[in-house]
Amino acid sequence: EHPVSNLIGYFLDKNISTILRSLSRAKRVLLICHRDPDGDTAWSALAFAEMLRQKNISTTICCYDQMPSNLLAFPGTNKIKNKLPARQDWDLSITIEAGDKRRMGFELNIDINIDHHSDNARYGKINWVDPTASACGSMILGLLRAGKFKLTPAIAAHLYAAIFSDTGGLRFANTTAQTYADMQLLVSHGALPS
């Protein structure tokens, strides 16, 4: 069984319940990756978009900068656009791992700011900042579990890659026992470490 320490925290975190309530009312969501994108921001956004599709929520993922070639090798990354949609009619705007508005790159107000870095500027209407998480991928996994989304093989693969990327292949100091538990859960749901 997957350790529940972070999951209990997610159920008790008022930001999580507020985020889930906001998502339950949304039809269109804009997900924003940070400038100079890495695997955690890009692949967490792709996993989040897959989760939202389960609830028939339309998503657009944008990043101010082009995706680097090493990220484009992963399936789905080429769907991330580097311009905002012409019609800005989304119900929610959500940033993933963008520590401040400059790092986001776009000039707009943010509804939900998700990050695992303690120096986050907390510029969203809702700021879910969890420095105990090894990556945003772990936070999105917690949101998936708290919201009872289905953990599909595609979502598991994206989150596995996101966490693996931001922990330096599970070698950086942000790698914890919870990180390994998250990875075990993702592999058991179809993520392939190879």
C-alpha atoms as a PDB file:
ATOM      1  CA  GLU A   1       0.000   0.000   0.000  1.00  0.00           C
ATOM      2  CA  HIS A   2       1.205   3.485  -0.882  1.00  0.00           C
ATOM      3  CA  PRO A   3       2.278   5.553   2.165  1.00  0.00           C
ATOM      4  CA  VAL A   4      -0.471   7.942   3.151  1.00  0.00           C
ATOM      5  CA  SER A   5       1.512  10.672   4.881  1.00  0.00           C
ATOM      6  CA  ASN A   6       1.313  13.152   2.003  1.00  0.00           C
ATOM      7  CA  LEU A   7      -2.154  11.985   0.978  1.00  0.00           C
ATOM      8  CA  ILE A   8      -3.592  12.740   4.424  1.00  0.00           C
ATOM      9  CA  GLY A   9      -1.939  16.161   4.221  1.00  0.00           C
ATOM     10  CA  TYR A  10      -3.525  16.726   0.816  1.00  0.00           C
ATOM     11  CA  PHE A  11      -6.993  15.852   2.119  1.00  0.00           C
ATOM     12  CA  LEU A  12      -6.517  18.245   5.037  1.00  0.00           C
ATOM     13  CA  ASP A  13      -4.933  21.033   2.952  1.00  0.00           C
ATOM     14  CA  LYS A  14      -7.613  23.680   2.364  1.00  0.00           C
ATOM     15  CA  ASN A  15      -5.866  24.682  -0.884  1.00  0.00           C
ATOM     16  CA  ILE A  16      -6.439  21.192  -2.288  1.00  0.00           C
ATOM     17  CA  SER A  17     -10.144  21.203  -1.505  1.00  0.00           C
ATOM     18  CA  THR A  18     -10.412  24.743  -2.936  1.00  0.00           C
ATOM     19  CA  ILE A  19      -8.577  23.661  -6.107  1.00  0.00           C
ATOM     20  CA  LEU A  20     -10.811  20.602  -6.517  1.00  0.00           C
ATOM     21  CA  ARG A  21     -13.934  22.757  -6.015  1.00  0.00           C
ATOM     22  CA  SER A  22     -12.661  25.263  -8.600  1.00  0.00           C
ATOM     23  CA  LEU A  23     -11.951  22.471 -11.078  1.00  0.00           C
ATOM     24  CA  SER A  24     -15.426  20.991 -10.572  1.00  0.00           C
ATOM     25  CA  ARG A  25     -16.932  24.247 -11.887  1.00  0.00           C
ATOM     26  CA  ALA A  26     -14.508  24.704 -14.816  1.00  0.00           C
ATOM     27  CA  LYS A  27     -15.098  23.882 -18.477  1.00  0.00           C
ATOM     28  CA  ARG A  28     -11.878  25.384 -19.930  1.00  0.00           C
ATOM     29  CA  VAL A  29      -8.504  25.515 -18.188  1.00  0.00           C
ATOM     30  CA  LEU A  30      -5.253  27.175 -19.209  1.00  0.00           C
ATOM     31  CA  LEU A  31      -2.125  25.436 -17.858  1.00  0.00           C
ATOM     32  CA  ILE A  32       1.109  27.435 -17.945  1.00  0.00           C
ATOM     33  CA  CYS A  33       4.614  25.983 -17.749  1.00  0.00           C
ATOM     34  CA  HIS A  34       7.540  28.122 -16.630  1.00  0.00           C
ATOM     35  CA  ARG A  35      10.033  29.796 -18.987  1.00  0.00           C
ATOM     36  CA  ASP A  36      13.116  27.762 -19.882  1.00  0.00           C
ATOM     37  CA  PRO A  37      10.984  24.643 -19.328  1.00  0.00           C
ATOM     38  CA  ASP A  38      12.177  21.438 -17.720  1.00  0.00           C
ATOM     39  CA  GLY A  39      10.617  18.002 -17.453  1.00  0.00           C
ATOM     40  CA  ASP A  40       8.745  18.679 -14.220  1.00  0.00           C
ATOM     41  CA  THR A  41       6.800  21.694 -15.486  1.00  0.00           C
ATOM     42  CA  ALA A  42       6.071  20.209 -18.936  1.00  0.00           C
ATOM     43  CA  TRP A  43       5.218  16.630 -18.000  1.00  0.00           C
ATOM     44  CA  SER A  44       3.264  17.628 -14.877  1.00  0.00           C
ATOM     45  CA  ALA A  45       1.160  19.895 -17.118  1.00  0.00           C
ATOM     46  CA  LEU A  46       0.568  17.058 -19.596  1.00  0.00           C
ATOM     47  CA  ALA A  47      -0.502  14.720 -16.779  1.00  0.00           C
ATOM     48  CA  PHE A  48      -2.774  17.413 -15.323  1.00  0.00           C
ATOM     49  CA  ALA A  49      -4.380  17.959 -18.744  1.00  0.00           C
ATOM     50  CA  GLU A  50      -5.045  14.204 -19.056  1.00  0.00           C
ATOM     51  CA  MET A  51      -6.661  14.213 -15.608  1.00  0.00           C
ATOM     52  CA  LEU A  52      -8.917  17.133 -16.512  1.00  0.00           C
ATOM     53  CA  ARG A  53     -10.032  15.424 -19.730  1.00  0.00           C
ATOM     54  CA  GLN A  54     -11.499  12.672 -17.542  1.00  0.00           C
ATOM     55  CA  LYS A  55     -13.940  15.314 -16.271  1.00  0.00           C
ATOM     56  CA  ASN A  56     -14.583  16.690 -19.790  1.00  0.00           C
ATOM     57  CA  ILE A  57     -12.612  19.843 -19.049  1.00  0.00           C
ATOM     58  CA  SER A  58     -10.951  21.353 -22.116  1.00  0.00           C
ATOM     59  CA  THR A  59      -7.297  22.291 -21.585  1.00  0.00           C
ATOM     60  CA  THR A  60      -4.657  24.353 -23.330  1.00  0.00           C
ATOM     61  CA  ILE A  61      -1.026  24.126 -22.218  1.00  0.00           C
ATOM     62  CA  CYS A  62       1.243  27.099 -22.923  1.00  0.00           C
ATOM     63  CA  CYS A  63       4.865  27.929 -22.294  1.00  0.00           C
ATOM     64  CA  TYR A  64       6.407  31.289 -23.182  1.00  0.00           C
ATOM     65  CA  ASP A  65       9.534  29.536 -24.471  1.00  0.00           C
ATOM     66  CA  GLN A  66       9.750  26.726 -27.022  1.00  0.00           C
ATOM     67  CA  MET A  67      10.147  23.216 -25.644  1.00  0.00           C
ATOM     68  CA  PRO A  68      13.785  22.096 -25.886  1.00  0.00           C
ATOM     69  CA  SER A  69      14.527  19.095 -28.083  1.00  0.00           C
ATOM     70  CA  ASN A  70      15.341  16.815 -25.132  1.00  0.00           C
ATOM     71  CA  LEU A  71      11.766  17.297 -23.833  1.00  0.00           C
ATOM     72  CA  LEU A  72      10.143  16.895 -27.257  1.00  0.00           C
ATOM     73  CA  ALA A  73      11.312  13.278 -27.359  1.00  0.00           C
ATOM     74  CA  PHE A  74       8.629  12.451 -24.776  1.00  0.00           C
ATOM     75  CA  PRO A  75       5.128  11.792 -26.200  1.00  0.00           C
ATOM     76  CA  GLY A  76       2.714  14.706 -26.049  1.00  0.00           C
ATOM     77  CA  THR A  77       5.253  17.435 -25.324  1.00  0.00           C
ATOM     78  CA  ASN A  78       4.841  18.789 -28.869  1.00  0.00           C
ATOM     79  CA  LYS A  79       1.232  19.750 -27.944  1.00  0.00           C
ATOM     80  CA  ILE A  80       2.487  22.536 -25.652  1.00  0.00           C
ATOM     81  CA  LYS A  81       1.990  25.893 -27.388  1.00  0.00           C
ATOM     82  CA  ASN A  82       4.226  28.931 -26.942  1.00  0.00           C
ATOM     83  CA  LYS A  83       1.460  31.501 -27.486  1.00  0.00           C
ATOM     84  CA  LEU A  84      -1.683  32.106 -25.500  1.00  0.00           C
ATOM     85  CA  PRO A  85      -4.939  31.263 -27.286  1.00  0.00           C
ATOM     86  CA  ALA A  86      -6.482  34.183 -29.209  1.00  0.00           C
ATOM     87  CA  ARG A  87      -9.736  33.741 -27.300  1.00  0.00           C
ATOM     88  CA  GLN A  88      -8.884  34.124 -23.665  1.00  0.00           C
ATOM     89  CA  ASP A  89     -12.088  32.553 -22.414  1.00  0.00           C
ATOM     90  CA  TRP A  90     -10.755  30.009 -19.949  1.00  0.00           C
ATOM     91  CA  ASP A  91     -12.425  29.542 -16.575  1.00  0.00           C
ATOM     92  CA  LEU A  92      -9.175  28.943 -14.706  1.00  0.00           C
ATOM     93  CA  SER A  93      -5.524  29.790 -15.303  1.00  0.00           C
ATOM     94  CA  ILE A  94      -3.031  27.539 -13.516  1.00  0.00           C
ATOM     95  CA  THR A  95       0.754  27.799 -13.364  1.00  0.00           C
ATOM     96  CA  ILE A  96       2.962  24.802 -12.689  1.00  0.00           C
ATOM     97  CA  GLU A  97       6.356  25.445 -11.062  1.00  0.00           C
ATOM     98  CA  ALA A  98       6.574  29.110 -12.094  1.00  0.00           C
ATOM     99  CA  GLY A  99       8.032  30.749  -8.997  1.00  0.00           C
ATOM    100  CA  ASP A 100       6.974  34.282  -9.969  1.00  0.00           C
ATOM    101  CA  LYS A 101       5.224  36.146 -12.778  1.00  0.00           C
ATOM    102  CA  ARG A 102       8.507  36.854 -14.570  1.00  0.00           C
ATOM    103  CA  ARG A 103       9.234  33.121 -14.696  1.00  0.00           C
ATOM    104  CA  MET A 104       5.766  32.577 -16.157  1.00  0.00           C
ATOM    105  CA  GLY A 105       6.488  34.929 -19.058  1.00  0.00           C
ATOM    106  CA  PHE A 106       2.889  35.898 -19.829  1.00  0.00           C
ATOM    107  CA  GLU A 107       1.120  39.014 -18.519  1.00  0.00           C
ATOM    108  CA  LEU A 108      -2.063  37.724 -16.918  1.00  0.00           C
ATOM    109  CA  ASN A 109      -3.658  37.092 -13.579  1.00  0.00           C
ATOM    110  CA  ILE A 110      -3.362  33.574 -12.237  1.00  0.00           C
ATOM    111  CA  ASP A 111      -6.105  31.705 -10.449  1.00  0.00           C
ATOM    112  CA  ILE A 112      -4.054  28.762  -9.147  1.00  0.00           C
ATOM    113  CA  ASN A 113      -0.291  28.692  -8.578  1.00  0.00           C
ATOM    114  CA  ILE A 114       1.207  25.214  -7.983  1.00  0.00           C
ATOM    115  CA  ASP A 115       4.862  24.907  -6.961  1.00  0.00           C
ATOM    116  CA  HIS A 116       7.197  22.915  -4.740  1.00  0.00           C
ATOM    117  CA  HIS A 117       9.797  25.681  -4.258  1.00  0.00           C
ATOM    118  CA  SER A 118       9.669  27.556  -0.946  1.00  0.00           C
ATOM    119  CA  ASP A 119      10.724  30.860  -2.563  1.00  0.00           C
ATOM    120  CA  ASN A 120       7.540  30.994  -4.673  1.00  0.00           C
ATOM    121  CA  ALA A 121       6.156  34.566  -4.806  1.00  0.00           C
ATOM    122  CA  ARG A 122       2.580  33.378  -4.122  1.00  0.00           C
ATOM    123  CA  TYR A 123       1.050  35.496  -6.891  1.00  0.00           C
ATOM    124  CA  GLY A 124      -2.071  33.394  -7.537  1.00  0.00           C
ATOM    125  CA  LYS A 125      -5.538  33.741  -6.070  1.00  0.00           C
ATOM    126  CA  ILE A 126      -4.884  30.247  -4.689  1.00  0.00           C
ATOM    127  CA  ASN A 127      -1.260  29.326  -3.915  1.00  0.00           C
ATOM    128  CA  TRP A 128      -0.486  25.667  -3.344  1.00  0.00           C
ATOM    129  CA  VAL A 129       3.198  25.669  -2.458  1.00  0.00           C
ATOM    130  CA  ASP A 130       4.556  22.470  -0.886  1.00  0.00           C
ATOM    131  CA  PRO A 131       8.334  22.531  -0.295  1.00  0.00           C
ATOM    132  CA  THR A 132       8.170  18.986   1.119  1.00  0.00           C
ATOM    133  CA  ALA A 133       7.222  17.646  -2.332  1.00  0.00           C
ATOM    134  CA  SER A 134      10.157  16.495  -4.443  1.00  0.00           C
ATOM    135  CA  ALA A 135       8.548  17.816  -7.646  1.00  0.00           C
ATOM    136  CA  CYS A 136       5.308  19.252  -8.974  1.00  0.00           C
ATOM    137  CA  GLY A 137       4.762  15.788 -10.413  1.00  0.00           C
ATOM    138  CA  SER A 138       4.358  14.492  -6.848  1.00  0.00           C
ATOM    139  CA  MET A 139       1.898  17.278  -6.058  1.00  0.00           C
ATOM    140  CA  ILE A 140      -0.180  16.512  -9.168  1.00  0.00           C
ATOM    141  CA  LEU A 141      -0.192  12.841  -8.114  1.00  0.00           C
ATOM    142  CA  GLY A 142      -1.521  13.905  -4.710  1.00  0.00           C
ATOM    143  CA  LEU A 143      -4.192  16.031  -6.370  1.00  0.00           C
ATOM    144  CA  LEU A 144      -5.132  13.077  -8.592  1.00  0.00           C
ATOM    145  CA  ARG A 145      -5.574  10.833  -5.565  1.00  0.00           C
ATOM    146  CA  ALA A 146      -7.419  13.428  -3.461  1.00  0.00           C
ATOM    147  CA  GLY A 147      -9.770  14.164  -6.385  1.00  0.00           C
ATOM    148  CA  LYS A 148     -10.266  10.481  -7.217  1.00  0.00           C
ATOM    149  CA  PHE A 149      -9.097  10.843 -10.805  1.00  0.00           C
ATOM    150  CA  LYS A 150      -8.102   7.630 -12.593  1.00  0.00           C
ATOM    151  CA  LEU A 151      -4.350   6.993 -12.698  1.00  0.00           C
ATOM    152  CA  THR A 152      -3.969   5.851 -16.305  1.00  0.00           C
ATOM    153  CA  PRO A 153      -0.717   4.538 -17.821  1.00  0.00           C
ATOM    154  CA  ALA A 154      -0.313   7.817 -19.752  1.00  0.00           C
ATOM    155  CA  ILE A 155      -0.685   9.938 -16.608  1.00  0.00           C
ATOM    156  CA  ALA A 156       1.615   7.587 -14.692  1.00  0.00           C
ATOM    157  CA  ALA A 157       4.275   7.896 -17.420  1.00  0.00           C
ATOM    158  CA  HIS A 158       4.124  11.702 -17.438  1.00  0.00           C
ATOM    159  CA  LEU A 159       4.307  11.980 -13.646  1.00  0.00           C
ATOM    160  CA  TYR A 160       7.110   9.412 -13.411  1.00  0.00           C
ATOM    161  CA  ALA A 161       9.147  11.391 -15.954  1.00  0.00           C
ATOM    162  CA  ALA A 162       8.369  14.694 -14.176  1.00  0.00           C
ATOM    163  CA  ILE A 163       9.542  13.419 -10.790  1.00  0.00           C
ATOM    164  CA  PHE A 164      12.553  11.596 -12.255  1.00  0.00           C
ATOM    165  CA  SER A 165      13.579  14.792 -14.031  1.00  0.00           C
ATOM    166  CA  ASP A 166      13.329  17.129 -11.026  1.00  0.00           C
ATOM    167  CA  THR A 167      15.111  14.732  -8.664  1.00  0.00           C
ATOM    168  CA  GLY A 168      18.049  14.238 -11.026  1.00  0.00           C
ATOM    169  CA  GLY A 169      17.155  10.604 -11.557  1.00  0.00           C
ATOM    170  CA  LEU A 170      16.363  10.142  -7.831  1.00  0.00           C
ATOM    171  CA  ARG A 171      19.840  11.404  -6.833  1.00  0.00           C
ATOM    172  CA  PHE A 172      19.195  14.973  -5.627  1.00  0.00           C
ATOM    173  CA  ALA A 173      18.612  15.911  -1.980  1.00  0.00           C
ATOM    174  CA  ASN A 174      14.888  16.464  -2.658  1.00  0.00           C
ATOM    175  CA  THR A 175      14.486  12.683  -3.143  1.00  0.00           C
ATOM    176  CA  THR A 176      12.662  11.257  -0.108  1.00  0.00           C
ATOM    177  CA  ALA A 177      10.983   8.043   0.950  1.00  0.00           C
ATOM    178  CA  GLN A 178       7.736   9.596  -0.331  1.00  0.00           C
ATOM    179  CA  THR A 179       9.391  10.104  -3.729  1.00  0.00           C
ATOM    180  CA  TYR A 180      10.185   6.391  -3.965  1.00  0.00           C
ATOM    181  CA  ALA A 181       6.647   5.523  -2.841  1.00  0.00           C
ATOM    182  CA  ASP A 182       5.234   7.797  -5.542  1.00  0.00           C
ATOM    183  CA  MET A 183       7.476   6.177  -8.161  1.00  0.00           C
ATOM    184  CA  GLN A 184       6.424   2.690  -7.058  1.00  0.00           C
ATOM    185  CA  LEU A 185       2.756   3.663  -7.398  1.00  0.00           C
ATOM    186  CA  LEU A 186       3.361   5.140 -10.867  1.00  0.00           C
ATOM    187  CA  VAL A 187       5.221   2.037 -12.082  1.00  0.00           C
ATOM    188  CA  SER A 188       2.431  -0.185 -10.724  1.00  0.00           C
ATOM    189  CA  HIS A 189       0.012   1.837 -12.873  1.00  0.00           C
ATOM    190  CA  GLY A 190       1.936   1.565 -16.122  1.00  0.00           C
ATOM    191  CA  ALA A 191       4.910   3.937 -16.040  1.00  0.00           C
ATOM    192  CA  LEU A 192       7.926   2.247 -17.660  1.00  0.00           C
ATOM    193  CA  PRO A 193      11.290   3.204 -16.104  1.00  0.00           C
ATOM    194  CA  SER A 194      13.131   2.374 -19.334  1.00  0.00           C
END
